[in-house]
N, C-alpha and C. Protein backbone atom coordinates (compact mmCIF):
# COMPACT_ATOMS: atom_id res chain seq x y z
N MET A 1 11.02 44.43 13.97
CA MET A 1 10.91 45.13 12.72
C MET A 1 11.70 46.45 12.83
N LEU A 2 12.38 46.78 11.73
CA LEU A 2 13.22 47.97 11.74
C LEU A 2 12.40 49.22 11.45
N SER A 3 12.84 50.30 12.08
CA SER A 3 12.20 51.59 11.78
C SER A 3 12.65 52.05 10.40
N HIS A 4 12.02 53.07 9.89
CA HIS A 4 12.36 53.60 8.57
C HIS A 4 13.82 54.06 8.53
N HIS A 5 14.26 54.74 9.58
CA HIS A 5 15.64 55.23 9.64
C HIS A 5 16.63 54.05 9.69
N GLU A 6 16.33 53.05 10.52
CA GLU A 6 17.23 51.89 10.63
C GLU A 6 17.29 51.13 9.30
N ASP A 7 16.16 50.98 8.64
CA ASP A 7 16.12 50.29 7.36
C ASP A 7 16.96 51.04 6.32
N ARG A 8 16.83 52.35 6.29
CA ARG A 8 17.60 53.17 5.36
C ARG A 8 19.11 53.06 5.66
N SER A 9 19.46 53.08 6.95
CA SER A 9 20.87 52.96 7.34
C SER A 9 21.42 51.59 6.95
N LEU A 10 20.64 50.55 7.17
CA LEU A 10 21.08 49.20 6.82
C LEU A 10 21.29 49.07 5.31
N ARG A 11 20.42 49.61 4.53
CA ARG A 11 20.57 49.57 3.06
C ARG A 11 21.81 50.35 2.62
N ALA A 12 22.10 51.46 3.27
CA ALA A 12 23.30 52.23 2.94
C ALA A 12 24.56 51.42 3.26
N ILE A 13 24.55 50.74 4.39
CA ILE A 13 25.69 49.91 4.77
C ILE A 13 25.85 48.76 3.77
N GLU A 14 24.75 48.15 3.37
CA GLU A 14 24.81 47.05 2.39
C GLU A 14 25.37 47.54 1.06
N GLN A 15 24.96 48.71 0.62
CA GLN A 15 25.46 49.26 -0.65
C GLN A 15 26.95 49.59 -0.54
N TRP A 16 27.37 50.15 0.59
CA TRP A 16 28.79 50.44 0.79
C TRP A 16 29.59 49.14 0.78
N PHE A 17 29.10 48.13 1.47
CA PHE A 17 29.77 46.84 1.55
C PHE A 17 29.89 46.22 0.16
N GLU A 18 28.82 46.31 -0.61
CA GLU A 18 28.80 45.76 -1.97
C GLU A 18 29.82 46.47 -2.87
N SER A 19 29.93 47.78 -2.74
CA SER A 19 30.87 48.51 -3.59
C SER A 19 32.31 48.38 -3.10
N ASP A 20 32.49 48.23 -1.79
CA ASP A 20 33.84 48.15 -1.23
C ASP A 20 34.49 46.80 -1.50
N ASP A 21 33.76 45.71 -1.32
CA ASP A 21 34.32 44.37 -1.51
C ASP A 21 33.26 43.47 -2.15
N PRO A 22 33.10 43.57 -3.46
CA PRO A 22 32.04 42.81 -4.12
C PRO A 22 32.21 41.30 -4.03
N ALA A 23 33.45 40.83 -4.02
CA ALA A 23 33.66 39.38 -3.94
C ALA A 23 33.18 38.83 -2.60
N LEU A 24 33.51 39.53 -1.52
CA LEU A 24 33.06 39.09 -0.20
C LEU A 24 31.55 39.20 -0.07
N ALA A 25 30.99 40.26 -0.60
CA ALA A 25 29.53 40.42 -0.55
C ALA A 25 28.85 39.30 -1.34
N ARG A 26 29.41 38.94 -2.49
CA ARG A 26 28.84 37.85 -3.29
C ARG A 26 28.95 36.53 -2.54
N MET A 27 30.09 36.31 -1.85
CA MET A 27 30.26 35.09 -1.08
C MET A 27 29.20 34.98 0.00
N PHE A 28 28.94 36.08 0.71
CA PHE A 28 27.91 36.06 1.75
C PHE A 28 26.52 35.83 1.16
N ARG A 29 26.28 36.42 0.00
CA ARG A 29 24.97 36.27 -0.64
C ARG A 29 24.73 34.84 -1.10
N THR A 30 25.73 34.23 -1.71
CA THR A 30 25.55 32.90 -2.29
C THR A 30 26.07 31.79 -1.39
N HIS A 31 26.69 32.14 -0.27
CA HIS A 31 27.23 31.17 0.69
C HIS A 31 28.27 30.26 0.05
N GLU A 32 29.05 30.80 -0.88
CA GLU A 32 30.09 29.99 -1.48
C GLU A 32 31.34 30.02 -0.60
N GLU A 33 32.07 28.93 -0.63
CA GLU A 33 33.27 28.80 0.20
C GLU A 33 34.43 29.53 -0.45
N PRO A 34 35.23 30.24 0.33
CA PRO A 34 36.40 30.90 -0.26
C PRO A 34 37.34 29.88 -0.92
N ALA A 35 37.98 30.28 -1.98
CA ALA A 35 38.83 29.37 -2.75
C ALA A 35 39.98 28.81 -1.91
N LYS A 36 40.51 29.62 -1.02
CA LYS A 36 41.65 29.17 -0.23
C LYS A 36 41.26 28.01 0.69
N LEU A 37 40.08 28.09 1.30
CA LEU A 37 39.63 26.99 2.15
C LEU A 37 39.41 25.73 1.35
N HIS A 38 38.89 25.90 0.14
CA HIS A 38 38.67 24.74 -0.73
C HIS A 38 40.01 24.11 -1.11
N GLN A 39 41.02 24.94 -1.39
CA GLN A 39 42.33 24.42 -1.74
C GLN A 39 42.95 23.68 -0.56
N HIS A 40 42.75 24.18 0.64
CA HIS A 40 43.29 23.52 1.82
C HIS A 40 42.63 22.16 2.02
N ARG A 41 41.31 22.09 1.78
CA ARG A 41 40.60 20.82 1.92
C ARG A 41 41.12 19.82 0.91
N VAL A 42 41.33 20.26 -0.33
CA VAL A 42 41.85 19.37 -1.37
C VAL A 42 43.25 18.88 -0.98
N ALA A 43 44.07 19.76 -0.42
CA ALA A 43 45.42 19.36 -0.01
C ALA A 43 45.37 18.33 1.12
N ARG A 44 44.46 18.52 2.08
CA ARG A 44 44.33 17.54 3.17
C ARG A 44 43.91 16.18 2.65
N ILE A 45 42.96 16.18 1.74
CA ILE A 45 42.50 14.92 1.16
C ILE A 45 43.61 14.26 0.34
N ALA A 46 44.37 15.07 -0.40
CA ALA A 46 45.46 14.53 -1.21
C ALA A 46 46.53 13.88 -0.33
N VAL A 47 46.84 14.49 0.80
CA VAL A 47 47.84 13.92 1.70
C VAL A 47 47.34 12.57 2.24
N GLY A 48 46.08 12.52 2.63
CA GLY A 48 45.52 11.27 3.12
C GLY A 48 45.49 10.18 2.07
N LEU A 49 45.10 10.54 0.85
CA LEU A 49 45.07 9.56 -0.24
C LEU A 49 46.47 9.08 -0.60
N ALA A 50 47.41 10.01 -0.64
CA ALA A 50 48.79 9.63 -0.94
C ALA A 50 49.32 8.67 0.12
N GLY A 51 48.98 8.93 1.37
CA GLY A 51 49.39 8.03 2.44
C GLY A 51 48.76 6.66 2.31
N GLY A 52 47.48 6.63 2.00
CA GLY A 52 46.80 5.34 1.85
C GLY A 52 47.34 4.54 0.69
N ILE A 53 47.60 5.21 -0.43
CA ILE A 53 48.15 4.51 -1.60
C ILE A 53 49.57 4.02 -1.32
N THR A 54 50.37 4.88 -0.69
CA THR A 54 51.75 4.49 -0.35
C THR A 54 51.74 3.30 0.61
N PHE A 55 50.85 3.35 1.59
CA PHE A 55 50.76 2.24 2.55
C PHE A 55 50.35 0.96 1.84
N ALA A 56 49.34 1.04 0.97
CA ALA A 56 48.86 -0.16 0.27
C ALA A 56 49.94 -0.75 -0.63
N ILE A 57 50.64 0.10 -1.36
CA ILE A 57 51.71 -0.39 -2.24
C ILE A 57 52.82 -1.02 -1.40
N GLY A 58 53.18 -0.36 -0.31
CA GLY A 58 54.21 -0.92 0.57
C GLY A 58 53.80 -2.25 1.17
N ALA A 59 52.54 -2.39 1.55
CA ALA A 59 52.07 -3.64 2.13
C ALA A 59 52.02 -4.75 1.08
N LEU A 60 51.57 -4.42 -0.13
CA LEU A 60 51.50 -5.43 -1.19
C LEU A 60 52.89 -5.86 -1.67
N ALA A 61 53.81 -4.92 -1.73
CA ALA A 61 55.16 -5.22 -2.20
C ALA A 61 56.08 -5.62 -1.05
N THR A 62 55.55 -5.66 0.16
CA THR A 62 56.30 -5.94 1.38
C THR A 62 57.58 -5.11 1.49
N VAL A 63 57.39 -3.81 1.29
CA VAL A 63 58.50 -2.86 1.44
C VAL A 63 58.20 -2.05 2.70
N GLY A 64 58.98 -2.31 3.74
CA GLY A 64 58.73 -1.69 5.04
C GLY A 64 58.81 -0.18 5.03
N VAL A 65 59.71 0.36 4.24
CA VAL A 65 59.89 1.81 4.19
C VAL A 65 58.60 2.48 3.66
N LEU A 66 57.98 1.90 2.65
CA LEU A 66 56.74 2.46 2.11
C LEU A 66 55.59 2.35 3.10
N VAL A 67 55.56 1.26 3.86
CA VAL A 67 54.51 1.10 4.87
C VAL A 67 54.66 2.19 5.94
N VAL A 68 55.88 2.42 6.39
CA VAL A 68 56.12 3.44 7.41
C VAL A 68 55.81 4.84 6.84
N LEU A 69 56.26 5.11 5.63
CA LEU A 69 55.99 6.40 5.00
C LEU A 69 54.49 6.60 4.81
N GLY A 70 53.80 5.56 4.38
CA GLY A 70 52.35 5.65 4.22
C GLY A 70 51.65 5.92 5.54
N THR A 71 52.10 5.26 6.59
CA THR A 71 51.52 5.47 7.91
C THR A 71 51.74 6.90 8.38
N LEU A 72 52.94 7.43 8.15
CA LEU A 72 53.22 8.82 8.53
C LEU A 72 52.35 9.81 7.74
N LEU A 73 52.19 9.56 6.45
CA LEU A 73 51.35 10.45 5.64
C LEU A 73 49.89 10.39 6.08
N ILE A 74 49.41 9.20 6.39
CA ILE A 74 48.04 9.08 6.88
C ILE A 74 47.89 9.84 8.20
N SER A 75 48.87 9.72 9.08
CA SER A 75 48.82 10.42 10.37
C SER A 75 48.83 11.93 10.17
N VAL A 76 49.66 12.41 9.26
CA VAL A 76 49.69 13.84 8.97
C VAL A 76 48.35 14.30 8.42
N GLY A 77 47.76 13.52 7.51
CA GLY A 77 46.45 13.85 6.96
C GLY A 77 45.38 13.93 8.03
N VAL A 78 45.37 12.97 8.95
CA VAL A 78 44.40 12.99 10.04
C VAL A 78 44.60 14.22 10.92
N CYS A 79 45.85 14.52 11.25
CA CYS A 79 46.14 15.71 12.07
C CYS A 79 45.68 16.99 11.36
N LEU A 80 45.91 17.09 10.07
CA LEU A 80 45.48 18.27 9.33
C LEU A 80 43.96 18.41 9.35
N HIS A 81 43.25 17.29 9.22
CA HIS A 81 41.79 17.32 9.27
C HIS A 81 41.30 17.76 10.66
N LEU A 82 41.95 17.25 11.70
CA LEU A 82 41.54 17.62 13.06
C LEU A 82 41.80 19.09 13.35
N VAL A 83 42.94 19.58 12.91
CA VAL A 83 43.26 21.00 13.13
C VAL A 83 42.28 21.89 12.36
N ALA A 84 41.96 21.52 11.13
CA ALA A 84 41.03 22.31 10.33
C ALA A 84 39.63 22.28 10.92
N ARG A 85 39.26 21.20 11.55
CA ARG A 85 37.94 21.07 12.14
C ARG A 85 37.77 21.99 13.34
N LYS A 86 38.84 22.20 14.10
CA LYS A 86 38.76 23.04 15.30
C LYS A 86 38.76 24.52 14.99
N SER A 87 39.25 24.89 13.81
CA SER A 87 39.30 26.33 13.50
C SER A 87 38.14 26.76 12.66
């Protein structure tokens, strides 16, 4: 349990933090994900989906170039997911 002085100091720091960077303080309060991370996740998923669709179209149309391109896009998507997971 905090002493009266520590509690007062903590509240002062919280108020300073709230006034200095309200968006970051709101993010911590509501645990919302920053928009940039969300955009990166959407981009990773889009690369994987584009690769899967390209691969499927190439396989159905028996076009080797599309199969190879789809495989490369899927590989890039997997690598992006793995890199994002480690950071």
